[in-house]
Structure formats: structure tokens, C-alpha cells
Protein backbone atom coordinates (compact mmCIF):
# COMPACT_ATOMS: atom_id res chain seq x y z
CA MET A 1 0.00 0.02 -0.04
CA LYS A 2 2.81 2.38 0.84
CA MET A 3 4.60 1.50 -2.39
CA TYR A 4 1.39 2.20 -4.24
CA ILE A 5 1.04 5.70 -2.74
CA PHE A 6 4.77 6.52 -3.39
CA LEU A 7 4.29 5.54 -7.08
CA ILE A 8 1.36 7.90 -7.44
CA ILE A 9 3.12 10.80 -5.82
CA LEU A 10 6.12 10.16 -8.08
CA ALA A 11 3.90 10.18 -11.05
CA LEU A 12 2.21 13.33 -10.22
CA ILE A 13 5.59 15.14 -9.58
CA THR A 14 6.90 14.00 -13.03
CA THR A 15 3.78 15.14 -14.89
CA GLY A 16 3.92 18.65 -13.10
CA CYS A 17 0.59 18.18 -11.44
CA ILE A 18 1.82 19.21 -7.94
CA PRO A 19 2.56 22.97 -7.74
CA LYS A 20 6.08 23.91 -6.75
CA TYR A 21 6.46 26.33 -3.97
CA VAL A 22 8.59 29.15 -4.97
CA ASP A 23 10.02 31.69 -2.59
CA GLN A 24 8.06 34.77 -3.30
CA ASP A 25 10.74 37.00 -1.89
CA LYS A 26 13.11 35.77 -4.63
CA LYS A 27 10.61 36.62 -7.48
CA ARG A 28 9.67 40.01 -6.03
CA THR A 29 10.60 42.72 -8.59
CA ILE A 30 12.54 45.47 -7.12
CA VAL A 31 11.63 48.73 -8.79
CA LYS A 32 14.32 51.40 -8.43
CA ALA A 33 12.99 54.96 -8.09
CA PRO A 34 14.09 57.13 -10.81
CA LYS A 35 16.83 59.58 -9.97
CA VAL A 36 15.36 63.12 -9.55
CA SER A 37 17.83 65.77 -10.41
CA ILE A 38 17.50 68.66 -7.97
CA PRO A 39 18.47 71.88 -9.65
CA SER A 40 21.25 73.50 -7.84
CA GLN A 41 20.79 76.89 -6.17
CA PRO A 42 22.54 79.61 -8.11
CA GLU A 43 25.70 80.77 -6.47
CA THR A 44 25.64 84.36 -5.16
CA ILE A 45 28.61 86.11 -6.66
CA ILE A 46 29.76 89.21 -4.88
CA GLN A 47 31.40 91.43 -7.28
CA ALA A 48 34.00 93.75 -5.99
CA LYS A 49 33.77 97.31 -7.02
CA PRO A 50 35.88 98.04 -10.07
CA THR A 51 39.13 99.81 -9.15
CA THR A 52 38.23 102.74 -11.40
CA GLN A 53 34.92 103.27 -9.60
CA ILE A 54 36.77 103.35 -6.21
CA ILE A 55 39.29 105.87 -7.64
CA GLU A 56 36.40 108.01 -8.97
CA GLN A 57 34.73 108.15 -5.48
CA GLU A 58 37.97 109.08 -3.81
CA GLN A 59 38.42 111.93 -6.30
CA ILE A 60 34.90 113.19 -5.61
CA VAL A 61 35.58 113.24 -1.80
CA SER A 62 38.97 114.88 -2.45
CA GLU A 63 37.32 117.57 -4.68
CA VAL A 64 34.70 118.28 -1.98
CA ILE A 65 37.40 118.65 0.74
CA GLU A 66 39.48 120.95 -1.59
CA GLU A 67 36.44 123.02 -2.35
CA GLN A 68 36.52 124.43 1.21
CA LYS A 69 39.25 126.96 0.84
CA LYS A 70 39.48 128.57 4.30
CA SER A 71 37.68 128.83 7.58
CA THR A 72 38.52 131.97 9.61
CA SER A 73 37.29 132.82 13.14
CA TYR A 74 36.38 136.48 13.81
CA LYS A 75 34.94 138.77 16.43
CA VAL A 76 31.84 139.82 14.62
CA THR A 77 29.82 142.96 15.44
CA MET A 78 26.66 143.81 13.54
CA LYS A 79 24.03 146.50 14.12
CA THR A 80 21.37 146.49 11.33
CA LYS A 81 17.59 146.82 11.11
CA LYS A 82 17.03 143.29 12.20
CA PHE A 83 19.80 142.32 14.60
CA ALA A 84 22.55 143.55 16.89
CA PHE A 85 25.27 141.42 18.37
CA SER A 86 29.04 141.18 19.03
CA ASP A 87 30.08 137.62 19.31
CA THR A 88 32.49 135.00 17.85
CA GLY A 89 31.81 133.95 14.34
CA PHE A 90 33.25 131.59 11.77
CA LEU A 91 33.54 132.56 8.10
CA VAL A 92 33.99 129.55 5.69
CA LYS A 93 34.85 130.48 2.10
CA TYR A 94 34.13 127.83 -0.60
CA GLU A 95 34.74 127.99 -4.37
CA ASN A 96 31.25 129.36 -5.10
CA SER A 97 29.81 130.26 -1.81
CA MET A 98 30.45 131.58 1.70
CA HIS A 99 28.96 130.70 5.10
CA LEU A 100 29.04 132.90 8.11
CA ASN A 101 28.00 131.49 11.41
CA VAL A 102 28.00 133.60 14.54
CA LEU A 103 27.55 131.97 17.93
CA ALA A 104 26.55 133.41 21.36
CA MET A 105 26.57 131.12 24.41
CA GLY A 106 26.82 128.04 22.14
CA LYS A 107 23.77 129.15 20.13
CA SER A 108 23.67 130.39 16.48
CA VAL A 109 22.55 134.02 16.34
CA LEU A 110 23.37 134.45 12.65
CA ASP A 111 23.52 131.70 10.03
CA MET A 112 24.18 133.28 6.62
CA LYS A 113 24.88 131.60 3.36
CA ILE A 114 25.82 133.40 0.14
CA LYS A 115 26.01 131.92 -3.30
CA LYS A 116 28.48 133.91 -5.25
CA ASP A 117 27.27 133.08 -8.82
CA GLU A 118 23.60 133.24 -7.99
CA ASP A 119 21.30 135.97 -6.78
CA ASP A 120 20.73 134.29 -3.49
CA ILE A 121 21.31 134.86 0.21
CA CYS A 122 19.94 132.76 2.99
CA VAL A 123 19.67 133.76 6.69
CA GLY A 124 18.65 130.60 8.55
CA SER A 125 15.87 129.01 6.68
CA LEU A 126 14.83 132.35 4.95
CA CYS A 127 16.33 132.89 1.54
CA ASN A 128 16.05 136.05 -0.46
CA THR A 129 17.63 137.86 -3.43
CA LYS A 130 20.63 140.07 -2.70
CA HIS A 131 18.65 143.10 -3.33
CA GLY A 132 15.93 141.78 -1.07
CA PHE A 133 18.48 141.09 1.70
CA ASN A 134 19.64 144.75 1.50
CA GLN A 135 16.11 146.00 1.75
CA SER A 136 15.19 143.70 4.84
CA PHE A 137 18.46 143.94 6.80
CA LEU A 138 20.61 146.87 5.52
CA VAL A 139 19.75 149.69 3.12
CA GLY A 140 17.77 148.93 -0.01
CA SER A 141 19.97 151.26 -2.16
CA TYR A 142 23.19 149.39 -1.39
CA PRO A 143 24.65 147.39 -4.40
CA ASP A 144 23.31 143.83 -4.60
CA GLY A 145 26.82 142.46 -4.02
CA PHE A 146 27.42 144.67 -0.97
CA ILE A 147 27.62 142.08 1.99
CA GLU A 148 29.46 139.59 -0.33
CA ASN A 149 32.20 142.14 -0.99
CA VAL A 150 32.43 143.14 2.73
CA LEU A 151 32.97 139.56 3.79
CA GLN A 152 35.61 139.17 1.12
CA ARG A 153 37.39 142.35 2.11
CA LYS A 154 36.67 143.76 -1.45
CA PRO A 155 35.95 147.41 -2.38
CA ILE A 156 32.20 148.37 -2.44
CA PHE A 157 30.17 150.76 -4.59
CA GLY A 158 32.45 150.09 -7.50
CA GLY A 159 35.54 151.41 -5.67
CA ARG A 160 34.08 154.90 -5.17
CA GLY A 161 36.17 157.16 -2.86
CA LEU A 162 38.88 154.52 -2.39
CA THR A 163 42.27 155.27 -1.01
CA LYS A 164 45.00 152.58 -0.65
CA THR A 165 46.89 152.20 2.54
CA SER A 166 49.89 150.14 3.63
CA LYS A 167 47.61 147.42 5.01
CA GLY A 168 44.68 147.64 2.64
CA PHE A 169 42.41 150.56 1.70
CA VAL A 170 39.87 153.00 2.97
CA GLN A 171 36.60 154.21 1.23
CA LYS A 172 34.68 157.19 2.29
CA ILE A 173 31.29 157.98 0.62
CA ILE A 174 29.71 161.03 2.03
CA CYS A 175 26.45 162.42 0.36
CA ASN A 176 22.83 163.05 0.99
CA THR A 177 22.19 159.30 1.04
CA TYR A 178 25.20 157.80 2.76
CA GLY A 179 27.73 158.57 5.46
CA ILE A 180 29.91 155.69 4.81
CA LYS A 181 33.46 154.83 6.12
CA TYR A 182 34.72 151.51 5.04
CA GLN A 183 38.18 150.28 6.08
CA VAL A 184 39.93 146.97 5.22
CA THR A 185 43.20 145.53 6.50
CA ASN A 186 44.74 142.14 6.38
CA LYS A 187 43.11 141.30 9.66
CA SER A 188 39.94 143.26 9.95
CA VAL A 189 36.98 144.87 8.23
CA TYR A 190 35.20 148.04 9.49
CA PHE A 191 32.05 149.42 7.90
CA LYS A 192 29.89 152.15 9.20
CA ASP A 193 27.13 154.06 7.63
CA LYS A 194 26.00 156.95 10.03
CA LYS A 195 22.97 157.87 7.90
CA GLY A 196 21.89 154.29 7.35
CA ASN A 197 22.61 153.37 10.96
CA ILE A 198 24.57 150.24 9.93
CA LEU A 199 27.73 148.88 11.60
CA ILE A 200 29.66 145.86 10.53
CA LYS A 201 32.98 144.91 12.10
CA LEU A 202 35.01 141.76 11.58
CA LYS A 203 38.22 141.30 13.59
CA GLU A 204 40.21 138.16 12.95
CA ILE A 205 40.96 135.99 16.01
CA ASN A 206 44.51 134.61 16.10
């Protein structure tokens, strides 16, 4: 009986009727995930400023510094229609402008800016024409460039009544309108108009 069963099993194996057990893990298909290319981030390139640009910037700074010709300290005395003081001031002369700043107890009592090539004078935040400045602060009939010439120690009124001295010059203009004495030396400026009641004095502080 055992022999009979063995022969039946053998016959079935040889005819392929008994299923073969195959290790499923060996037949499993391994699917590889496709490679995904991640775009690289663009590199941040820091470009140095060209040498020529640096040189140009240095030249501009140098020109601004050279533009300021001279800063001089004065004892400034002024008596006009709008103000009267006698305090320390600083006059800075540039190529195309001037700036006079007078201080009293650490506070500015006069902040005047004059543009040489333009018809413009500013006192603080108030700007006016040069003729308008004369009308408001001095005498309206003064020449437009009057205060500019005084601060630069130049002759006024076109050099009228001028006499040269060893240290500068003196101008005297006496008429129905003016009673002017204007004296300039290498260290000081003195202007007085008796009829206009104007006094301007600048004495350089060593």
C-alpha cells in the first residue's frame, strides 16, 4: 500500500501536477525609483567694485574737501535793522559760496549763506535775493553784492572814494544818502554808515 502511494506521488511530480512552492521574496521585482535631479541653487557672486569706480569716488571726496578753501574765526559785530550782536563767528569760504555762522553762548545768532554766482542769500531758513536782503536787513539802495564784498574784504560801490593804505584800503562815501566809512586791513573789516545806522565789524581772532 505504501509503495502504491509513493508511485502515485512520483507520477504526479513527473507530470507537473503538484505545484512547486517558490520563494516569493526571490521573485519580487525591485523597482528602483528614478533619480530626480534637484536643480542646484545659483551661487551668489559678490562682485568687487571696479578699481576705477573706487578711484572716482575718492576723487569726488577729495574735490569736496578741496572746495573748502579757508575757515577763519572773527569777532563779529553787527548792528542793522534786524539784529545787533557782538560775538564769535566763523566765516567759511568755498569756491562758489560763503557761510558765516555767529555763535553766542553756544547758540547760533546768525547763520548766513551766500552763493557767489547766484542771486541768493539765506539767513537761517529764509532765503532772499541779494537786493531783497539789503532791503530787509541793511539799506535798499546798497549794491546787490554789498555784503558779499564786505565779507571778502573787497571794495564796495564800485571802488568809489577809495584810498589805498599800507595794510589795505579805505573808502569814504559822504553824500545826501550815505555817511560811509569802510576800512579794510589784512586782519579786519570796518564798515559804518551813519545815515543808514549800519555797523559791521570783523576782527580776525588769532
